[in-house]
Protein backbone atom coordinates (compact mmCIF):
# COMPACT_ATOMS: atom_id res chain seq x y z
CA UNK A 1 -12.09 22.58 1.20
CA UNK A 2 -8.56 23.69 0.40
CA UNK A 3 -5.65 21.35 -0.45
CA UNK A 4 -2.87 21.58 2.14
CA UNK A 5 -0.05 20.70 -0.29
CA UNK A 6 -0.33 24.04 -2.07
CA UNK A 7 0.54 27.49 -0.68
CA UNK A 8 -1.40 30.75 -1.35
CA UNK A 9 0.35 31.13 -4.72
CA UNK A 10 -0.58 27.63 -5.76
CA UNK A 11 2.97 26.23 -5.45
CA UNK A 12 3.40 22.71 -4.14
CA UNK A 13 5.04 22.51 -0.70
CA UNK A 14 5.44 20.12 2.16
CA UNK A 15 2.83 20.69 4.85
CA UNK A 16 4.17 22.06 8.17
CA UNK A 17 2.99 19.51 10.80
CA UNK A 18 5.07 20.91 13.65
CA UNK A 19 1.95 22.23 15.45
CA UNK A 20 0.03 19.01 15.12
CA UNK A 21 -0.33 16.73 18.16
CA UNK A 22 1.69 13.55 18.36
CA UNK A 23 -0.88 10.72 18.29
CA UNK A 24 -1.04 7.02 17.48
CA UNK A 25 -1.87 6.60 13.81
CA UNK A 26 -2.86 3.64 11.71
CA UNK A 27 -3.78 3.03 8.10
CA UNK A 28 -4.94 -0.07 6.30
CA UNK A 29 -4.89 -0.28 2.48
CA UNK A 30 -5.82 -3.06 0.14
CA UNK A 31 -5.61 -4.05 -3.49
CA UNK A 32 -5.31 -7.01 -5.80
CA UNK A 33 -3.54 -8.50 -8.82
CA UNK A 34 -5.91 -10.26 -11.19
CA UNK A 35 -4.35 -12.94 -13.41
CA UNK A 36 -4.99 -16.03 -15.45
CA UNK A 37 -6.06 -19.05 -13.41
CA UNK A 38 -2.93 -20.95 -14.70
CA UNK A 39 -0.71 -18.17 -13.34
CA UNK A 40 -2.36 -18.29 -9.90
CA UNK A 41 -2.00 -22.09 -9.87
CA UNK A 42 1.71 -21.69 -10.63
CA UNK A 43 2.12 -19.26 -7.74
CA UNK A 44 0.16 -21.46 -5.36
CA UNK A 45 2.21 -24.59 -6.28
CA UNK A 46 5.49 -22.65 -5.84
CA UNK A 47 6.58 -23.28 -9.42
CA UNK A 48 7.39 -19.69 -10.38
CA UNK A 49 10.90 -19.53 -11.89
CA UNK A 50 11.85 -16.44 -9.80
CA UNK A 51 10.87 -18.21 -6.50
CA UNK A 52 8.49 -17.55 -3.64
CA UNK A 53 6.20 -14.95 -5.20
CA UNK A 54 4.07 -14.29 -2.11
CA UNK A 55 7.05 -14.09 0.25
CA UNK A 56 9.12 -11.75 -1.94
CA UNK A 57 6.06 -9.55 -2.63
CA UNK A 58 5.34 -9.29 1.13
CA UNK A 59 8.90 -8.15 1.80
CA UNK A 60 8.75 -5.72 -1.11
CA UNK A 61 5.62 -4.24 0.35
CA UNK A 62 7.29 -3.71 3.74
CA UNK A 63 10.24 -2.09 2.02
CA UNK A 64 7.92 0.09 -0.07
CA UNK A 65 6.22 1.44 3.06
CA UNK A 66 9.56 2.35 4.51
CA UNK A 67 10.65 4.19 1.37
CA UNK A 68 7.46 6.19 0.81
CA UNK A 69 9.03 9.59 1.57
CA UNK A 70 11.72 8.80 -1.04
CA UNK A 71 9.06 8.09 -3.71
CA UNK A 72 6.25 10.60 -3.03
CA UNK A 73 7.71 14.09 -3.16
CA UNK A 74 5.66 15.79 -0.41
CA UNK A 75 5.46 12.91 2.08
CA UNK A 76 7.15 13.33 5.47
CA UNK A 77 9.72 10.71 6.48
CA UNK A 78 8.05 8.93 9.41
CA UNK A 79 9.19 6.71 12.27
CA UNK A 80 7.09 3.72 11.25
CA UNK A 81 6.45 1.43 14.20
CA UNK A 82 4.70 -1.40 12.27
CA UNK A 83 4.30 -2.63 8.75
CA UNK A 84 2.37 -5.84 8.12
CA UNK A 85 1.58 -7.01 4.63
CA UNK A 86 -0.92 -9.87 4.21
CA UNK A 87 -1.04 -11.70 0.96
CA UNK A 88 -3.80 -14.21 0.05
CA UNK A 89 -5.01 -16.23 -2.89
CA UNK A 90 -8.42 -15.41 -4.30
CA UNK A 91 -9.70 -18.05 -6.69
CA UNK A 92 -12.72 -15.91 -7.54
CA UNK A 93 -10.53 -13.15 -9.14
CA UNK A 94 -8.48 -15.24 -9.96
CA UNK A 95 -5.49 -13.64 -8.33
CA UNK A 96 -3.87 -12.34 -5.23
CA UNK A 97 -5.32 -9.98 -2.60
CA UNK A 98 -3.02 -7.69 -0.67
CA UNK A 99 -3.60 -5.82 2.57
CA UNK A 100 -1.10 -3.55 4.33
CA UNK A 101 -1.31 -2.19 7.87
CA UNK A 102 1.00 0.63 8.88
CA UNK A 103 1.37 2.25 12.27
CA UNK A 104 3.25 5.20 13.71
CA UNK A 105 3.14 7.58 16.63
CA UNK A 106 3.61 10.98 15.13
CA UNK A 107 2.22 14.22 13.72
CA UNK A 108 0.97 12.95 10.40
CA UNK A 109 -0.79 9.86 9.08
CA UNK A 110 0.41 6.76 7.31
CA UNK A 111 -2.12 6.38 4.54
CA UNK A 112 0.52 6.91 1.84
CA UNK A 113 2.81 4.33 3.42
CA UNK A 114 -0.01 1.75 3.47
CA UNK A 115 -0.95 2.47 -0.14
CA UNK A 116 2.71 2.34 -1.19
CA UNK A 117 3.10 -1.06 0.58
CA UNK A 118 0.17 -2.47 -1.38
CA UNK A 119 1.33 -0.99 -4.67
CA UNK A 120 4.86 -2.24 -4.24
CA UNK A 121 3.71 -5.75 -3.29
CA UNK A 122 1.36 -5.80 -6.35
CA UNK A 123 4.09 -4.66 -8.70
CA UNK A 124 6.41 -7.32 -7.31
CA UNK A 125 3.83 -10.06 -7.97
CA UNK A 126 3.62 -8.76 -11.57
CA UNK A 127 7.37 -8.65 -11.93
CA UNK A 128 7.87 -12.17 -10.68
CA UNK A 129 5.41 -13.84 -13.08
CA UNK A 130 5.20 -11.44 -15.99
CA UNK A 131 7.12 -13.88 -18.20
CA UNK A 132 4.04 -16.17 -18.23
CA UNK A 133 1.19 -13.57 -17.92
CA UNK A 134 1.73 -10.10 -19.22
CA UNK A 135 -2.08 -9.42 -19.10
CA UNK A 136 -2.26 -9.26 -15.27
CA UNK A 137 -4.21 -6.39 -13.88
CA UNK A 138 -3.36 -4.42 -10.74
CA UNK A 139 -6.35 -2.76 -9.19
CA UNK A 140 -8.60 -1.81 -6.32
CA UNK A 141 -5.87 -0.06 -4.37
CA UNK A 142 -7.48 2.11 -1.69
CA UNK A 143 -7.44 3.11 1.92
CA UNK A 144 -9.72 0.88 3.95
CA UNK A 145 -9.07 2.46 7.40
CA UNK A 146 -7.32 5.53 8.70
CA UNK A 147 -7.36 6.52 12.35
CA UNK A 148 -5.55 8.98 14.57
CA UNK A 149 -4.94 12.69 14.29
CA UNK A 150 -7.24 15.72 14.07
CA UNK A 151 -9.40 14.39 11.24
CA UNK A 152 -10.26 11.25 13.19
CA UNK A 153 -11.37 7.91 11.88
CA UNK A 154 -12.18 6.98 8.31
CA UNK A 155 -13.41 3.56 7.31
CA UNK A 156 -14.13 2.63 3.71
CA UNK A 157 -17.71 1.75 2.80
CA UNK A 158 -17.58 -1.47 0.76
CA UNK A 159 -20.76 -0.47 -1.05
CA UNK A 160 -19.06 1.56 -3.79
């Protein structure tokens, strides 16, 4: 298998997608922020000094998806038709779980946009409560679903 972001000389380049079919595309990514139980309790009670952690992180994730082409050098700017970021508490971590769904109708997929949404939301959670918990851990960021385009459907196997 060859990598499409490199030309015959091995130089990085943006892939030409002009011959690809325009299709509906979707990607779902997920990840988490693990933290001290006290930090999670502070977020759940709404007592974080910087404000609504979950709401701000959700908006940051949406913004991150829309800015992906500005952050990842070889990503195409895409006409995103949907970005949804779901944030939930997970007492078993303890921490916050994040899931981003991104859709477009176009010639290339939106996996990078979904991953960027999750990453940006996770970094925002960290930023908003780092004053009380610098040991938080961001992890598990991965594509859960990708569909549309020539390569078809991919769904993550949770038995890693």
